[in-house]
Amino acid sequence: GEHTRFLTGEPLMASLAAAIGRTAQPLPERPRPRLLRWWCAL
């Protein structure tokens, strides 16, 4: 209904969207913490 949302990852998104009859919208990415950015750089 209008008050229900579904969250899913990439592999399951297409089959769920087809079953529910809605168009999937990507969620905005959250900014990564500074420590994680340093870890990734290392």
PDB file of all heavy atoms in Angstrom:
ATOM      1  N   GLY A   1       0.826  -1.193   0.000  1.00  0.00           N
ATOM      2  CA  GLY A   1       0.000   0.000   0.000  1.00  0.00           C
ATOM      3  C   GLY A   1       0.864   1.249   0.000  1.00  0.00           C
ATOM      4  O   GLY A   1       2.093   1.183  -0.085  1.00  0.00           O
ATOM      5  N   GLU A   2       0.227   2.373   0.155  1.00  0.00           N
ATOM      6  CA  GLU A   2       0.978   3.626   0.108  1.00  0.00           C
ATOM      7  C   GLU A   2       1.839   3.850   1.351  1.00  0.00           C
ATOM      8  O   GLU A   2       2.766   4.626   1.324  1.00  0.00           O
ATOM      9  CB  GLU A   2       0.030   4.802  -0.089  1.00  0.00           C
ATOM     10  CG  GLU A   2      -0.927   5.020   1.071  1.00  0.00           C
ATOM     11  CD  GLU A   2      -1.861   6.172   0.816  1.00  0.00           C
ATOM     12  OE1 GLU A   2      -2.613   6.105  -0.166  1.00  0.00           O
ATOM     13  OE2 GLU A   2      -1.831   7.124   1.616  1.00  0.00           O
ATOM     14  N   HIS A   3       1.520   3.158   2.452  1.00  0.00           N
ATOM     15  CA  HIS A   3       2.293   3.326   3.681  1.00  0.00           C
ATOM     16  C   HIS A   3       3.265   2.187   3.911  1.00  0.00           C
ATOM     17  O   HIS A   3       3.717   1.981   5.033  1.00  0.00           O
ATOM     18  CB  HIS A   3       1.360   3.456   4.881  1.00  0.00           C
ATOM     19  CG  HIS A   3       0.512   4.680   4.826  1.00  0.00           C
ATOM     20  ND1 HIS A   3       1.028   5.953   4.955  1.00  0.00           N
ATOM     21  CD2 HIS A   3      -0.815   4.845   4.633  1.00  0.00           C
ATOM     22  CE1 HIS A   3       0.064   6.832   4.863  1.00  0.00           C
ATOM     23  NE2 HIS A   3      -1.067   6.195   4.655  1.00  0.00           N
ATOM     24  N   THR A   4       3.607   1.438   2.876  1.00  0.00           N
ATOM     25  CA  THR A   4       4.541   0.320   3.005  1.00  0.00           C
ATOM     26  C   THR A   4       5.688   0.515   2.035  1.00  0.00           C
ATOM     27  O   THR A   4       5.468   0.812   0.861  1.00  0.00           O
ATOM     28  CB  THR A   4       3.849  -1.020   2.696  1.00  0.00           C
ATOM     29  OG1 THR A   4       2.726  -1.164   3.558  1.00  0.00           O
ATOM     30  CG2 THR A   4       4.793  -2.177   2.911  1.00  0.00           C
ATOM     31  N   ARG A   5       6.912   0.352   2.547  1.00  0.00           N
ATOM     32  CA  ARG A   5       8.114   0.414   1.705  1.00  0.00           C
ATOM     33  C   ARG A   5       8.870  -0.885   1.858  1.00  0.00           C
ATOM     34  O   ARG A   5       8.853  -1.517   2.909  1.00  0.00           O
ATOM     35  CB  ARG A   5       9.027   1.565   2.133  1.00  0.00           C
ATOM     36  CG  ARG A   5       8.569   2.898   1.658  1.00  0.00           C
ATOM     37  CD  ARG A   5       9.599   3.974   1.884  1.00  0.00           C
ATOM     38  NE  ARG A   5      10.912   3.453   2.198  1.00  0.00           N
ATOM     39  CZ  ARG A   5      11.819   4.094   2.906  1.00  0.00           C
ATOM     40  NH1 ARG A   5      11.570   5.275   3.382  1.00  0.00           N
ATOM     41  NH2 ARG A   5      12.985   3.569   3.156  1.00  0.00           N
ATOM     42  N   PHE A   6       9.569  -1.263   0.805  1.00  0.00           N
ATOM     43  CA  PHE A   6      10.406  -2.451   0.803  1.00  0.00           C
ATOM     44  C   PHE A   6      11.842  -2.019   0.539  1.00  0.00           C
ATOM     45  O   PHE A   6      12.088  -1.210  -0.351  1.00  0.00           O
ATOM     46  CB  PHE A   6       9.972  -3.430  -0.299  1.00  0.00           C
ATOM     47  CG  PHE A   6       8.581  -3.963  -0.111  1.00  0.00           C
ATOM     48  CD1 PHE A   6       7.477  -3.278  -0.585  1.00  0.00           C
ATOM     49  CD2 PHE A   6       8.378  -5.167   0.539  1.00  0.00           C
ATOM     50  CE1 PHE A   6       6.200  -3.772  -0.414  1.00  0.00           C
ATOM     51  CE2 PHE A   6       7.101  -5.672   0.716  1.00  0.00           C
ATOM     52  CZ  PHE A   6       6.010  -4.970   0.242  1.00  0.00           C
ATOM     53  N   LEU A   7      12.787  -2.546   1.304  1.00  0.00           N
ATOM     54  CA  LEU A   7      14.210  -2.298   1.068  1.00  0.00           C
ATOM     55  C   LEU A   7      14.860  -3.609   0.660  1.00  0.00           C
ATOM     56  O   LEU A   7      14.626  -4.635   1.289  1.00  0.00           O
ATOM     57  CB  LEU A   7      14.903  -1.805   2.342  1.00  0.00           C
ATOM     58  CG  LEU A   7      14.582  -0.419   2.824  1.00  0.00           C
ATOM     59  CD1 LEU A   7      15.334  -0.142   4.113  1.00  0.00           C
ATOM     60  CD2 LEU A   7      14.952   0.607   1.788  1.00  0.00           C
ATOM     61  N   THR A   8      15.685  -3.560  -0.377  1.00  0.00           N
ATOM     62  CA  THR A   8      16.363  -4.768  -0.829  1.00  0.00           C
ATOM     63  C   THR A   8      17.684  -4.418  -1.480  1.00  0.00           C
ATOM     64  O   THR A   8      17.934  -3.268  -1.824  1.00  0.00           O
ATOM     65  CB  THR A   8      15.467  -5.567  -1.798  1.00  0.00           C
ATOM     66  OG1 THR A   8      16.103  -6.776  -2.129  1.00  0.00           O
ATOM     67  CG2 THR A   8      15.182  -4.788  -3.064  1.00  0.00           C
ATOM     68  N   GLY A   9      18.514  -5.427  -1.655  1.00  0.00           N
ATOM     69  CA  GLY A   9      19.787  -5.267  -2.339  1.00  0.00           C
ATOM     70  C   GLY A   9      19.640  -5.536  -3.825  1.00  0.00           C
ATOM     71  O   GLY A   9      18.574  -5.912  -4.321  1.00  0.00           O
ATOM     72  N   GLU A  10      20.709  -5.365  -4.547  1.00  0.00           N
ATOM     73  CA  GLU A  10      20.719  -5.488  -6.007  1.00  0.00           C
ATOM     74  C   GLU A  10      20.242  -6.844  -6.533  1.00  0.00           C
ATOM     75  O   GLU A  10      19.431  -6.884  -7.441  1.00  0.00           O
ATOM     76  CB  GLU A  10      22.141  -5.207  -6.512  1.00  0.00           C
ATOM     77  CG  GLU A  10      22.259  -5.141  -8.007  1.00  0.00           C
ATOM     78  CD  GLU A  10      21.809  -3.800  -8.545  1.00  0.00           C
ATOM     79  OE1 GLU A  10      22.040  -2.789  -7.890  1.00  0.00           O
ATOM     80  OE2 GLU A  10      21.231  -3.786  -9.635  1.00  0.00           O
ATOM     81  N   PRO A  11      20.712  -7.980  -5.997  1.00  0.00           N
ATOM     82  CA  PRO A  11      20.345  -9.260  -6.614  1.00  0.00           C
ATOM     83  C   PRO A  11      18.851  -9.573  -6.562  1.00  0.00           C
ATOM     84  O   PRO A  11      18.330 -10.201  -7.464  1.00  0.00           O
ATOM     85  CB  PRO A  11      21.127 -10.305  -5.814  1.00  0.00           C
ATOM     86  CG  PRO A  11      22.088  -9.577  -4.976  1.00  0.00           C
ATOM     87  CD  PRO A  11      21.640  -8.167  -4.893  1.00  0.00           C
ATOM     88  N   LEU A  12      18.151  -9.133  -5.532  1.00  0.00           N
ATOM     89  CA  LEU A  12      16.744  -9.487  -5.368  1.00  0.00           C
ATOM     90  C   LEU A  12      15.793  -8.398  -5.848  1.00  0.00           C
ATOM     91  O   LEU A  12      14.586  -8.596  -5.871  1.00  0.00           O
ATOM     92  CB  LEU A  12      16.464  -9.790  -3.896  1.00  0.00           C
ATOM     93  CG  LEU A  12      17.318 -10.881  -3.258  1.00  0.00           C
ATOM     94  CD1 LEU A  12      17.029 -10.986  -1.776  1.00  0.00           C
ATOM     95  CD2 LEU A  12      17.084 -12.202  -3.945  1.00  0.00           C
ATOM     96  N   MET A  13      16.332  -7.262  -6.239  1.00  0.00           N
ATOM     97  CA  MET A  13      15.511  -6.110  -6.557  1.00  0.00           C
ATOM     98  C   MET A  13      14.577  -6.351  -7.744  1.00  0.00           C
ATOM     99  O   MET A  13      13.397  -6.050  -7.682  1.00  0.00           O
ATOM    100  CB  MET A  13      16.413  -4.897  -6.823  1.00  0.00           C
ATOM    101  CG  MET A  13      15.680  -3.622  -7.148  1.00  0.00           C
ATOM    102  SD  MET A  13      15.457  -3.322  -8.893  1.00  0.00           S
ATOM    103  CE  MET A  13      17.099  -3.351  -9.501  1.00  0.00           C
ATOM    104  N   ALA A  14      15.072  -6.932  -8.821  1.00  0.00           N
ATOM    105  CA  ALA A  14      14.258  -7.087 -10.038  1.00  0.00           C
ATOM    106  C   ALA A  14      13.074  -8.014  -9.815  1.00  0.00           C
ATOM    107  O   ALA A  14      11.951  -7.700 -10.227  1.00  0.00           O
ATOM    108  CB  ALA A  14      15.132  -7.599 -11.174  1.00  0.00           C
ATOM    109  N   SER A  15      13.299  -9.140  -9.167  1.00  0.00           N
ATOM    110  CA  SER A  15      12.190 -10.078  -8.962  1.00  0.00           C
ATOM    111  C   SER A  15      11.149  -9.514  -7.997  1.00  0.00           C
ATOM    112  O   SER A  15       9.948  -9.703  -8.188  1.00  0.00           O
ATOM    113  CB  SER A  15      12.712 -11.420  -8.452  1.00  0.00           C
ATOM    114  OG  SER A  15      13.346 -11.259  -7.206  1.00  0.00           O
ATOM    115  N   LEU A  16      11.590  -8.789  -6.977  1.00  0.00           N
ATOM    116  CA  LEU A  16      10.652  -8.199  -6.036  1.00  0.00           C
ATOM    117  C   LEU A  16       9.856  -7.075  -6.687  1.00  0.00           C
ATOM    118  O   LEU A  16       8.648  -6.963  -6.485  1.00  0.00           O
ATOM    119  CB  LEU A  16      11.400  -7.685  -4.810  1.00  0.00           C
ATOM    120  CG  LEU A  16      10.534  -7.183  -3.664  1.00  0.00           C
ATOM    121  CD1 LEU A  16       9.684  -8.310  -3.099  1.00  0.00           C
ATOM    122  CD2 LEU A  16      11.389  -6.580  -2.579  1.00  0.00           C
ATOM    123  N   ALA A  17      10.514  -6.258  -7.499  1.00  0.00           N
ATOM    124  CA  ALA A  17       9.820  -5.161  -8.191  1.00  0.00           C
ATOM    125  C   ALA A  17       8.757  -5.696  -9.134  1.00  0.00           C
ATOM    126  O   ALA A  17       7.663  -5.135  -9.227  1.00  0.00           O
ATOM    127  CB  ALA A  17      10.825  -4.307  -8.949  1.00  0.00           C
ATOM    128  N   ALA A  18       9.054  -6.805  -9.807  1.00  0.00           N
ATOM    129  CA  ALA A  18       8.075  -7.401 -10.715  1.00  0.00           C
ATOM    130  C   ALA A  18       6.877  -7.951  -9.950  1.00  0.00           C
ATOM    131  O   ALA A  18       5.730  -7.807 -10.385  1.00  0.00           O
ATOM    132  CB  ALA A  18       8.733  -8.500 -11.542  1.00  0.00           C
ATOM    133  N   ALA A  19       7.118  -8.580  -8.810  1.00  0.00           N
ATOM    134  CA  ALA A  19       6.025  -9.169  -8.033  1.00  0.00           C
ATOM    135  C   ALA A  19       5.144  -8.099  -7.395  1.00  0.00           C
ATOM    136  O   ALA A  19       3.938  -8.244  -7.320  1.00  0.00           O
ATOM    137  CB  ALA A  19       6.587 -10.087  -6.949  1.00  0.00           C
ATOM    138  N   ILE A  20       5.766  -7.018  -6.946  1.00  0.00           N
ATOM    139  CA  ILE A  20       5.013  -5.973  -6.259  1.00  0.00           C
ATOM    140  C   ILE A  20       4.382  -4.995  -7.247  1.00  0.00           C
ATOM    141  O   ILE A  20       3.349  -4.406  -6.975  1.00  0.00           O
ATOM    142  CB  ILE A  20       5.934  -5.229  -5.267  1.00  0.00           C
ATOM    143  CG1 ILE A  20       6.334  -6.191  -4.161  1.00  0.00           C
ATOM    144  CG2 ILE A  20       5.268  -4.014  -4.686  1.00  0.00           C
ATOM    145  CD1 ILE A  20       7.336  -5.633  -3.213  1.00  0.00           C
ATOM    146  N   GLY A  21       5.003  -4.834  -8.396  1.00  0.00           N
ATOM    147  CA  GLY A  21       4.469  -3.915  -9.391  1.00  0.00           C
ATOM    148  C   GLY A  21       4.864  -2.473  -9.145  1.00  0.00           C
ATOM    149  O   GLY A  21       4.115  -1.552  -9.453  1.00  0.00           O
ATOM    150  N   ARG A  22       6.045  -2.273  -8.587  1.00  0.00           N
ATOM    151  CA  ARG A  22       6.552  -0.927  -8.346  1.00  0.00           C
ATOM    152  C   ARG A  22       7.897  -0.763  -9.035  1.00  0.00           C
ATOM    153  O   ARG A  22       8.584  -1.728  -9.320  1.00  0.00           O
ATOM    154  CB  ARG A  22       6.769  -0.687  -6.850  1.00  0.00           C
ATOM    155  CG  ARG A  22       5.521  -0.535  -6.049  1.00  0.00           C
ATOM    156  CD  ARG A  22       5.884  -0.137  -4.645  1.00  0.00           C
ATOM    157  NE  ARG A  22       4.722  -0.026  -3.805  1.00  0.00           N
ATOM    158  CZ  ARG A  22       4.775   0.154  -2.508  1.00  0.00           C
ATOM    159  NH1 ARG A  22       5.942   0.230  -1.894  1.00  0.00           N
ATOM    160  NH2 ARG A  22       3.678   0.251  -1.800  1.00  0.00           N
ATOM    161  N   THR A  23       8.280   0.485  -9.233  1.00  0.00           N
ATOM    162  CA  THR A  23       9.590   0.796  -9.783  1.00  0.00           C
ATOM    163  C   THR A  23      10.559   1.017  -8.633  1.00  0.00           C
ATOM    164  O   THR A  23      10.257   1.754  -7.695  1.00  0.00           O
ATOM    165  CB  THR A  23       9.524   2.069 -10.650  1.00  0.00           C
ATOM    166  OG1 THR A  23       8.528   1.877 -11.654  1.00  0.00           O
ATOM    167  CG2 THR A  23      10.856   2.356 -11.297  1.00  0.00           C
ATOM    168  N   ALA A  24      11.709   0.385  -8.714  1.00  0.00           N
ATOM    169  CA  ALA A  24      12.713   0.511  -7.659  1.00  0.00           C
ATOM    170  C   ALA A  24      13.470   1.824  -7.798  1.00  0.00           C
ATOM    171  O   ALA A  24      13.806   2.245  -8.896  1.00  0.00           O
ATOM    172  CB  ALA A  24      13.685  -0.658  -7.710  1.00  0.00           C
ATOM    173  N   GLN A  25      13.730   2.456  -6.658  1.00  0.00           N
ATOM    174  CA  GLN A  25      14.501   3.691  -6.611  1.00  0.00           C
ATOM    175  C   GLN A  25      15.754   3.438  -5.783  1.00  0.00           C
ATOM    176  O   GLN A  25      15.661   2.906  -4.681  1.00  0.00           O
ATOM    177  CB  GLN A  25      13.687   4.810  -5.947  1.00  0.00           C
ATOM    178  CG  GLN A  25      12.388   5.114  -6.646  1.00  0.00           C
ATOM    179  CD  GLN A  25      12.612   5.709  -8.015  1.00  0.00           C
ATOM    180  OE1 GLN A  25      13.527   6.508  -8.197  1.00  0.00           O
ATOM    181  NE2 GLN A  25      11.797   5.323  -8.957  1.00  0.00           N
ATOM    182  N   PRO A  26      16.934   3.827  -6.288  1.00  0.00           N
ATOM    183  CA  PRO A  26      18.141   3.625  -5.475  1.00  0.00           C
ATOM    184  C   PRO A  26      18.145   4.573  -4.282  1.00  0.00           C
ATOM    185  O   PRO A  26      17.751   5.725  -4.391  1.00  0.00           O
ATOM    186  CB  PRO A  26      19.287   3.941  -6.442  1.00  0.00           C
ATOM    187  CG  PRO A  26      18.672   4.804  -7.486  1.00  0.00           C
ATOM    188  CD  PRO A  26      17.227   4.418  -7.583  1.00  0.00           C
ATOM    189  N   LEU A  27      18.568   4.052  -3.146  1.00  0.00           N
ATOM    190  CA  LEU A  27      18.701   4.891  -1.960  1.00  0.00           C
ATOM    191  C   LEU A  27      20.004   5.670  -2.046  1.00  0.00           C
ATOM    192  O   LEU A  27      21.007   5.160  -2.555  1.00  0.00           O
ATOM    193  CB  LEU A  27      18.716   4.034  -0.695  1.00  0.00           C
ATOM    194  CG  LEU A  27      17.394   3.374  -0.331  1.00  0.00           C
ATOM    195  CD1 LEU A  27      17.579   2.520   0.913  1.00  0.00           C
ATOM    196  CD2 LEU A  27      16.326   4.409  -0.084  1.00  0.00           C
ATOM    197  N   PRO A  28      20.027   6.890  -1.550  1.00  0.00           N
ATOM    198  CA  PRO A  28      21.278   7.653  -1.580  1.00  0.00           C
ATOM    199  C   PRO A  28      22.316   6.999  -0.679  1.00  0.00           C
ATOM    200  O   PRO A  28      21.982   6.442   0.364  1.00  0.00           O
ATOM    201  CB  PRO A  28      20.881   9.032  -1.063  1.00  0.00           C
ATOM    202  CG  PRO A  28      19.594   8.839  -0.363  1.00  0.00           C
ATOM    203  CD  PRO A  28      18.936   7.634  -0.946  1.00  0.00           C
ATOM    204  N   GLU A  29      23.553   7.066  -1.122  1.00  0.00           N
ATOM    205  CA  GLU A  29      24.630   6.496  -0.329  1.00  0.00           C
ATOM    206  C   GLU A  29      24.940   7.406   0.846  1.00  0.00           C
ATOM    207  O   GLU A  29      24.948   8.623   0.715  1.00  0.00           O
ATOM    208  CB  GLU A  29      25.884   6.308  -1.184  1.00  0.00           C
ATOM    209  CG  GLU A  29      25.708   5.252  -2.253  1.00  0.00           C
ATOM    210  CD  GLU A  29      26.984   5.039  -3.042  1.00  0.00           C
ATOM    211  OE1 GLU A  29      28.081   5.242  -2.486  1.00  0.00           O
ATOM    212  OE2 GLU A  29      26.870   4.677  -4.213  1.00  0.00           O
ATOM    213  N   ARG A  30      25.202   6.781   1.989  1.00  0.00           N
ATOM    214  CA  ARG A  30      25.570   7.557   3.170  1.00  0.00           C
ATOM    215  C   ARG A  30      27.043   7.907   3.093  1.00  0.00           C
ATOM    216  O   ARG A  30      27.845   7.128   2.586  1.00  0.00           O
ATOM    217  CB  ARG A  30      25.307   6.750   4.432  1.00  0.00           C
ATOM    218  CG  ARG A  30      23.834   6.528   4.672  1.00  0.00           C
ATOM    219  CD  ARG A  30      23.610   5.788   5.945  1.00  0.00           C
ATOM    220  NE  ARG A  30      24.183   4.445   5.813  1.00  0.00           N
ATOM    221  CZ  ARG A  30      24.279   3.575   6.781  1.00  0.00           C
ATOM    222  NH1 ARG A  30      23.871   3.890   7.977  1.00  0.00           N
ATOM    223  NH2 ARG A  30      24.786   2.386   6.573  1.00  0.00           N
ATOM    224  N   PRO A  31      27.428   9.066   3.601  1.00  0.00           N
ATOM    225  CA  PRO A  31      28.852   9.405   3.612  1.00  0.00           C
ATOM    226  C   PRO A  31      29.611   8.434   4.512  1.00  0.00           C
ATOM    227  O   PRO A  31      29.119   8.027   5.562  1.00  0.00           O
ATOM    228  CB  PRO A  31      28.900  10.822   4.164  1.00  0.00           C
ATOM    229  CG  PRO A  31      27.550  11.114   4.690  1.00  0.00           C
ATOM    230  CD  PRO A  31      26.599  10.110   4.149  1.00  0.00           C
ATOM    231  N   ARG A  32      30.797   8.051   4.054  1.00  0.00           N
ATOM    232  CA  ARG A  32      31.611   7.115   4.828  1.00  0.00           C
ATOM    233  C   ARG A  32      32.364   7.864   5.917  1.00  0.00           C
ATOM    234  O   ARG A  32      32.860   8.966   5.695  1.00  0.00           O
ATOM    235  CB  ARG A  32      32.607   6.405   3.912  1.00  0.00           C
ATOM    236  CG  ARG A  32      31.914   5.496   2.915  1.00  0.00           C
ATOM    237  CD  ARG A  32      32.893   4.712   2.087  1.00  0.00           C
ATOM    238  NE  ARG A  32      33.823   5.608   1.430  1.00  0.00           N
ATOM    239  CZ  ARG A  32      35.005   5.238   0.960  1.00  0.00           C
ATOM    240  NH1 ARG A  32      35.387   4.001   1.054  1.00  0.00           N
ATOM    241  NH2 ARG A  32      35.796   6.097   0.370  1.00  0.00           N
ATOM    242  N   PRO A  33      32.483   7.259   7.094  1.00  0.00           N
ATOM    243  CA  PRO A  33      33.238   7.897   8.175  1.00  0.00           C
ATOM    244  C   PRO A  33      34.707   8.082   7.795  1.00  0.00           C
ATOM    245  O   PRO A  33      35.247   7.356   6.962  1.00  0.00           O
ATOM    246  CB  PRO A  33      33.111   6.914   9.345  1.00  0.00           C
ATOM    247  CG  PRO A  33      31.981   6.017   8.992  1.00  0.00           C
ATOM    248  CD  PRO A  33      31.880   6.006   7.505  1.00  0.00           C
ATOM    249  N   ARG A  34      35.329   9.058   8.428  1.00  0.00           N
ATOM    250  CA  ARG A  34      36.719   9.402   8.128  1.00  0.00           C
ATOM    251  C   ARG A  34      37.657   8.203   8.327  1.00  0.00           C
ATOM    252  O   ARG A  34      38.520   7.939   7.503  1.00  0.00           O
ATOM    253  CB  ARG A  34      37.172  10.559   8.997  1.00  0.00           C
ATOM    254  CG  ARG A  34      38.637  10.920   8.772  1.00  0.00           C
ATOM    255  CD  ARG A  34      39.075  12.049   9.635  1.00  0.00           C
ATOM    256  NE  ARG A  34      38.445  13.263   9.125  1.00  0.00           N
ATOM    257  CZ  ARG A  34      38.370  14.381   9.797  1.00  0.00           C
ATOM    258  NH1 ARG A  34      38.844  14.449  11.017  1.00  0.00           N
ATOM    259  NH2 ARG A  34      37.818  15.434   9.272  1.00  0.00           N
ATOM    260  N   LEU A  35      37.481   7.449   9.411  1.00  0.00           N
ATOM    261  CA  LEU A  35      38.345   6.300   9.681  1.00  0.00           C
ATOM    262  C   LEU A  35      38.219   5.249   8.570  1.00  0.00           C
ATOM    263  O   LEU A  35      39.222   4.679   8.140  1.00  0.00           O
ATOM    264  CB  LEU A  35      37.999   5.683  11.043  1.00  0.00           C
ATOM    265  CG  LEU A  35      38.857   4.514  11.492  1.00  0.00           C
ATOM    266  CD1 LEU A  35      40.315   4.937  11.629  1.00  0.00           C
ATOM    267  CD2 LEU A  35      38.351   3.973  12.822  1.00  0.00           C
ATOM    268  N   LEU A  36      37.011   5.031   8.089  1.00  0.00           N
ATOM    269  CA  LEU A  36      36.812   4.074   7.003  1.00  0.00           C
ATOM    270  C   LEU A  36      37.461   4.566   5.711  1.00  0.00           C
ATOM    271  O   LEU A  36      38.048   3.780   4.963  1.00  0.00           O
ATOM    272  CB  LEU A  36      35.320   3.824   6.788  1.00  0.00           C
ATOM    273  CG  LEU A  36      34.952   2.767   5.770  1.00  0.00           C
ATOM    274  CD1 LEU A  36      35.552   1.411   6.134  1.00  0.00           C
ATOM    275  CD2 LEU A  36      33.449   2.654   5.656  1.00  0.00           C
ATOM    276  N   ARG A  37      37.393   5.870   5.450  1.00  0.00           N
ATOM    277  CA  ARG A  37      38.055   6.407   4.261  1.00  0.00           C
ATOM    278  C   ARG A  37      39.563   6.214   4.348  1.00  0.00           C
ATOM    279  O   ARG A  37      40.206   5.877   3.365  1.00  0.00           O
ATOM    280  CB  ARG A  37      37.716   7.884   4.095  1.00  0.00           C
ATOM    281  CG  ARG A  37      36.288   8.122   3.665  1.00  0.00           C
ATOM    282  CD  ARG A  37      36.072   9.551   3.204  1.00  0.00           C
ATOM    283  NE  ARG A  37      36.596  10.562   4.096  1.00  0.00           N
ATOM    284  CZ  ARG A  37      35.886  11.252   4.968  1.00  0.00           C
ATOM    285  NH1 ARG A  37      34.602  11.049   5.076  1.00  0.00           N
ATOM    286  NH2 ARG A  37      36.447  12.168   5.734  1.00  0.00           N
ATOM    287  N   TRP A  38      40.154   6.440   5.541  1.00  0.00           N
ATOM    288  CA  TRP A  38      41.590   6.220   5.718  1.00  0.00           C
ATOM    289  C   TRP A  38      41.937   4.741   5.529  1.00  0.00           C
ATOM    290  O   TRP A  38      42.952   4.407   4.921  1.00  0.00           O
ATOM    291  CB  TRP A  38      42.031   6.680   7.114  1.00  0.00           C
ATOM    292  CG  TRP A  38      42.183   8.157   7.205  1.00  0.00           C
ATOM    293  CD1 TRP A  38      41.225   9.053   7.553  1.00  0.00           C
ATOM    294  CD2 TRP A  38      43.359   8.898   6.917  1.00  0.00           C
ATOM    295  NE1 TRP A  38      41.736  10.321   7.511  1.00  0.00           N
ATOM    296  CE2 TRP A  38      43.048  10.257   7.123  1.00  0.00           C
ATOM    297  CE3 TRP A  38      44.643   8.563   6.522  1.00  0.00           C
ATOM    298  CZ2 TRP A  38      43.968  11.257   6.947  1.00  0.00           C
ATOM    299  CZ3 TRP A  38      45.563   9.576   6.346  1.00  0.00           C
ATOM    300  CH2 TRP A  38      45.222  10.907   6.549  1.00  0.00           C
ATOM    301  N   TRP A  39      41.114   3.870   6.091  1.00  0.00           N
ATOM    302  CA  TRP A  39      41.343   2.429   5.959  1.00  0.00           C
ATOM    303  C   TRP A  39      41.317   2.022   4.484  1.00  0.00           C
ATOM    304  O   TRP A  39      42.158   1.264   4.022  1.00  0.00           O
ATOM    305  CB  TRP A  39      40.307   1.669   6.774  1.00  0.00           C
ATOM    306  CG  TRP A  39      40.393   0.190   6.658  1.00  0.00           C
ATOM    307  CD1 TRP A  39      39.502  -0.627   6.038  1.00  0.00           C
ATOM    308  CD2 TRP A  39      41.425  -0.667   7.154  1.00  0.00           C
ATOM    309  NE1 TRP A  39      39.915  -1.928   6.129  1.00  0.00           N
ATOM    310  CE2 TRP A  39      41.097  -1.981   6.811  1.00  0.00           C
ATOM    311  CE3 TRP A  39      42.597  -0.433   7.858  1.00  0.00           C
ATOM    312  CZ2 TRP A  39      41.888  -3.065   7.135  1.00  0.00           C
ATOM    313  CZ3 TRP A  39      43.393  -1.520   8.199  1.00  0.00           C
ATOM    314  CH2 TRP A  39      43.034  -2.808   7.839  1.00  0.00           C
ATOM    315  N   CYS A  40      40.349   2.513   3.732  1.00  0.00           N
ATOM    316  CA  CYS A  40      40.249   2.194   2.304  1.00  0.00           C
ATOM    317  C   CYS A  40      41.460   2.722   1.540  1.00  0.00           C
ATOM    318  O   CYS A  40      41.959   2.061   0.633  1.00  0.00           O
ATOM    319  CB  CYS A  40      38.959   2.765   1.725  1.00  0.00           C
ATOM    320  SG  CYS A  40      37.501   1.857   2.235  1.00  0.00           S
ATOM    321  N   ALA A  41      41.919   3.917   1.906  1.00  0.00           N
ATOM    322  CA  ALA A  41      43.101   4.462   1.242  1.00  0.00           C
ATOM    323  C   ALA A  41      44.325   3.596   1.506  1.00  0.00           C
ATOM    324  O   ALA A  41      45.129   3.345   0.599  1.00  0.00           O
ATOM    325  CB  ALA A  41      43.352   5.897   1.707  1.00  0.00           C
ATOM    326  N   LEU A  42      44.474   3.108   2.738  1.00  0.00           N
ATOM    327  CA  LEU A  42      45.587   2.231   3.075  1.00  0.00           C
ATOM    328  C   LEU A  42      45.498   0.914   2.296  1.00  0.00           C
ATOM    329  O   LEU A  42      46.492   0.442   1.741  1.00  0.00           O
ATOM    330  CB  LEU A  42      45.614   1.960   4.579  1.00  0.00           C
ATOM    331  CG  LEU A  42      46.670   0.968   5.063  1.00  0.00           C
ATOM    332  CD1 LEU A  42      48.071   1.525   4.821  1.00  0.00           C
ATOM    333  CD2 LEU A  42      46.464   0.644   6.524  1.00  0.00           C
TER     334      LEU A  42
END
